[in-house]
Amino acid sequence: MKNRIKVLRAERDMTQEQLAELVGVTRNTIISMEKNKYSPSLKLAYRIAHLFGVGIDDVFTYEEEIDGPSGDDE
């Protein structure tokens, strides 16, 4: 899942630590989300979107992951 958290934070001159405190997670969680290494729970995703005053689709974008061959025999 891709996100625009870093961009939205920058637009509001907000640090990772400030965002983490406002949504109730650690700074490491924010770092991981910004690097697309952690997908938040739906509840956390809504908290972040609400904090920024935007819709959840304005923060997060789902992208289908491709894990290689599907195993189909052709």
N, C-alpha and C. Protein backbone atom coordinates (compact mmCIF):
# COMPACT_ATOMS: atom_id res chain seq x y z
N MET A 1 0.85 -1.17 0.00
CA MET A 1 0.00 0.00 0.00
C MET A 1 0.90 1.24 0.00
N LYS A 2 0.68 2.11 -0.93
CA LYS A 2 1.43 3.37 -1.02
C LYS A 2 0.68 4.43 -0.23
N ASN A 3 1.40 5.48 0.18
CA ASN A 3 0.75 6.55 0.91
C ASN A 3 1.42 7.88 0.65
N ARG A 4 0.74 8.94 1.05
CA ARG A 4 1.23 10.31 0.88
C ARG A 4 1.48 10.98 2.24
N ILE A 5 1.77 10.19 3.25
CA ILE A 5 1.93 10.72 4.60
C ILE A 5 3.05 11.76 4.66
N LYS A 6 4.19 11.45 4.07
CA LYS A 6 5.32 12.37 4.12
C LYS A 6 4.97 13.71 3.48
N VAL A 7 4.29 13.67 2.35
CA VAL A 7 3.88 14.89 1.64
C VAL A 7 2.90 15.70 2.49
N LEU A 8 1.91 15.01 3.04
CA LEU A 8 0.91 15.69 3.86
C LEU A 8 1.53 16.29 5.11
N ARG A 9 2.49 15.60 5.71
CA ARG A 9 3.19 16.13 6.88
C ARG A 9 3.96 17.39 6.50
N ALA A 10 4.68 17.32 5.37
CA ALA A 10 5.50 18.45 4.94
C ALA A 10 4.64 19.68 4.66
N GLU A 11 3.48 19.46 4.05
CA GLU A 11 2.58 20.58 3.76
C GLU A 11 2.13 21.28 5.04
N ARG A 12 2.11 20.55 6.14
CA ARG A 12 1.65 21.09 7.42
C ARG A 12 2.81 21.38 8.39
N ASP A 13 4.04 21.25 7.87
CA ASP A 13 5.23 21.49 8.68
C ASP A 13 5.19 20.68 9.98
N MET A 14 4.86 19.40 9.85
CA MET A 14 4.69 18.50 10.98
C MET A 14 5.81 17.46 10.98
N THR A 15 6.37 17.18 12.15
CA THR A 15 7.42 16.16 12.26
C THR A 15 6.79 14.77 12.38
N GLN A 16 7.61 13.76 12.16
CA GLN A 16 7.16 12.39 12.36
C GLN A 16 6.73 12.18 13.80
N GLU A 17 7.49 12.74 14.72
CA GLU A 17 7.19 12.60 16.14
C GLU A 17 5.83 13.23 16.48
N GLN A 18 5.56 14.41 15.93
CA GLN A 18 4.28 15.08 16.19
C GLN A 18 3.12 14.24 15.65
N LEU A 19 3.25 13.75 14.43
CA LEU A 19 2.19 12.93 13.85
C LEU A 19 1.98 11.68 14.69
N ALA A 20 3.06 11.02 15.06
CA ALA A 20 2.97 9.80 15.86
C ALA A 20 2.20 10.05 17.15
N GLU A 21 2.53 11.14 17.82
CA GLU A 21 1.87 11.46 19.08
C GLU A 21 0.38 11.73 18.87
N LEU A 22 0.05 12.45 17.81
CA LEU A 22 -1.35 12.81 17.55
C LEU A 22 -2.23 11.61 17.20
N VAL A 23 -1.64 10.59 16.56
CA VAL A 23 -2.44 9.42 16.18
C VAL A 23 -2.21 8.22 17.09
N GLY A 24 -1.32 8.37 18.09
CA GLY A 24 -1.16 7.32 19.09
C GLY A 24 -0.30 6.14 18.70
N VAL A 25 0.76 6.41 17.92
CA VAL A 25 1.70 5.34 17.55
C VAL A 25 3.12 5.85 17.82
N THR A 26 4.11 5.01 17.56
CA THR A 26 5.50 5.42 17.74
C THR A 26 6.01 6.09 16.46
N ARG A 27 7.09 6.83 16.62
CA ARG A 27 7.72 7.46 15.46
C ARG A 27 8.19 6.39 14.47
N ASN A 28 8.65 5.25 15.00
CA ASN A 28 9.10 4.17 14.12
C ASN A 28 7.96 3.66 13.24
N THR A 29 6.74 3.66 13.75
CA THR A 29 5.59 3.24 12.94
C THR A 29 5.39 4.22 11.79
N ILE A 30 5.51 5.51 12.06
CA ILE A 30 5.36 6.52 11.01
C ILE A 30 6.46 6.36 9.96
N ILE A 31 7.69 6.15 10.43
CA ILE A 31 8.81 5.94 9.51
C ILE A 31 8.54 4.74 8.60
N SER A 32 8.10 3.64 9.18
CA SER A 32 7.81 2.43 8.41
C SER A 32 6.69 2.64 7.40
N MET A 33 5.66 3.38 7.79
CA MET A 33 4.57 3.66 6.86
C MET A 33 5.06 4.53 5.70
N GLU A 34 5.86 5.55 6.01
CA GLU A 34 6.36 6.43 4.96
C GLU A 34 7.26 5.70 3.98
N LYS A 35 7.92 4.66 4.43
CA LYS A 35 8.78 3.85 3.56
C LYS A 35 8.01 2.71 2.90
N ASN A 36 6.69 2.69 3.10
CA ASN A 36 5.81 1.64 2.56
C ASN A 36 6.22 0.25 3.03
N LYS A 37 6.74 0.16 4.25
CA LYS A 37 7.12 -1.14 4.83
C LYS A 37 6.11 -1.62 5.85
N TYR A 38 5.11 -0.79 6.13
CA TYR A 38 4.09 -1.14 7.11
C TYR A 38 2.75 -0.60 6.64
N SER A 39 1.77 -1.48 6.57
CA SER A 39 0.41 -1.06 6.22
C SER A 39 -0.39 -0.94 7.52
N PRO A 40 -0.94 0.25 7.76
CA PRO A 40 -1.66 0.47 9.01
C PRO A 40 -2.99 -0.26 9.05
N SER A 41 -3.50 -0.42 10.25
CA SER A 41 -4.85 -0.95 10.40
C SER A 41 -5.82 0.07 9.80
N LEU A 42 -7.02 -0.37 9.52
CA LEU A 42 -8.03 0.54 8.98
C LEU A 42 -8.30 1.68 9.96
N LYS A 43 -8.34 1.35 11.24
CA LYS A 43 -8.59 2.36 12.26
C LYS A 43 -7.50 3.43 12.26
N LEU A 44 -6.24 3.02 12.18
CA LEU A 44 -5.14 3.97 12.15
C LEU A 44 -5.17 4.78 10.85
N ALA A 45 -5.46 4.14 9.75
CA ALA A 45 -5.54 4.84 8.47
C ALA A 45 -6.59 5.95 8.52
N TYR A 46 -7.74 5.66 9.11
CA TYR A 46 -8.79 6.67 9.24
C TYR A 46 -8.36 7.79 10.19
N ARG A 47 -7.65 7.45 11.26
CA ARG A 47 -7.17 8.48 12.19
C ARG A 47 -6.23 9.46 11.49
N ILE A 48 -5.34 8.90 10.67
CA ILE A 48 -4.38 9.73 9.94
C ILE A 48 -5.10 10.62 8.93
N ALA A 49 -6.01 10.05 8.17
CA ALA A 49 -6.77 10.83 7.18
C ALA A 49 -7.57 11.94 7.86
N HIS A 50 -8.22 11.60 8.95
CA HIS A 50 -9.02 12.59 9.69
C HIS A 50 -8.14 13.72 10.21
N LEU A 51 -6.98 13.37 10.73
CA LEU A 51 -6.05 14.38 11.24
C LEU A 51 -5.65 15.37 10.14
N PHE A 52 -5.42 14.86 8.95
CA PHE A 52 -5.03 15.72 7.84
C PHE A 52 -6.23 16.40 7.18
N GLY A 53 -7.43 16.01 7.57
CA GLY A 53 -8.63 16.63 7.01
C GLY A 53 -8.91 16.23 5.58
N VAL A 54 -8.53 15.00 5.23
CA VAL A 54 -8.75 14.50 3.87
C VAL A 54 -9.39 13.11 3.94
N GLY A 55 -9.83 12.62 2.81
CA GLY A 55 -10.37 11.28 2.74
C GLY A 55 -9.27 10.24 2.79
N ILE A 56 -9.61 9.05 3.20
CA ILE A 56 -8.62 7.98 3.31
C ILE A 56 -7.96 7.68 1.95
N ASP A 57 -8.73 7.83 0.87
CA ASP A 57 -8.18 7.61 -0.48
C ASP A 57 -7.19 8.70 -0.88
N ASP A 58 -7.21 9.83 -0.19
CA ASP A 58 -6.25 10.90 -0.47
C ASP A 58 -4.92 10.64 0.23
N VAL A 59 -4.90 9.71 1.16
CA VAL A 59 -3.68 9.38 1.88
C VAL A 59 -3.11 8.05 1.40
N PHE A 60 -3.97 7.05 1.25
CA PHE A 60 -3.52 5.69 0.95
C PHE A 60 -4.03 5.21 -0.40
N THR A 61 -3.14 4.50 -1.11
CA THR A 61 -3.48 3.91 -2.40
C THR A 61 -3.09 2.45 -2.37
N TYR A 62 -4.05 1.59 -2.66
CA TYR A 62 -3.76 0.16 -2.68
C TYR A 62 -3.21 -0.22 -4.04
N GLU A 63 -2.12 -0.98 -4.04
CA GLU A 63 -1.55 -1.50 -5.28
C GLU A 63 -1.40 -3.00 -5.14
N GLU A 64 -1.92 -3.71 -6.11
CA GLU A 64 -1.84 -5.17 -6.13
C GLU A 64 -0.37 -5.59 -6.21
N GLU A 65 0.02 -6.52 -5.33
CA GLU A 65 1.39 -7.03 -5.38
C GLU A 65 1.44 -8.25 -6.26
N ILE A 66 2.48 -8.33 -7.07
CA ILE A 66 2.67 -9.48 -7.94
C ILE A 66 3.82 -10.30 -7.37
N ASP A 67 3.53 -11.56 -7.02
CA ASP A 67 4.51 -12.41 -6.36
C ASP A 67 5.17 -13.40 -7.31
N GLY A 68 5.15 -13.13 -8.60
CA GLY A 68 5.79 -14.04 -9.54
C GLY A 68 4.77 -14.90 -10.25
N PRO A 69 5.22 -15.99 -10.85
CA PRO A 69 4.32 -16.87 -11.61
C PRO A 69 3.18 -17.40 -10.77
N SER A 70 2.03 -17.55 -11.41
CA SER A 70 0.85 -18.01 -10.69
C SER A 70 0.79 -19.52 -10.58
N GLY A 71 1.71 -20.20 -11.26
CA GLY A 71 1.71 -21.65 -11.17
C GLY A 71 0.86 -22.31 -12.23
N ASP A 72 0.31 -21.51 -13.16
CA ASP A 72 -0.49 -22.09 -14.25
C ASP A 72 0.41 -22.85 -15.20
N ASP A 73 -0.02 -24.05 -15.58
CA ASP A 73 0.74 -24.86 -16.54
C ASP A 73 0.22 -24.56 -17.93
N GLU A 74 1.09 -24.08 -18.80
CA GLU A 74 0.67 -23.81 -20.17
C GLU A 74 1.60 -24.49 -21.12
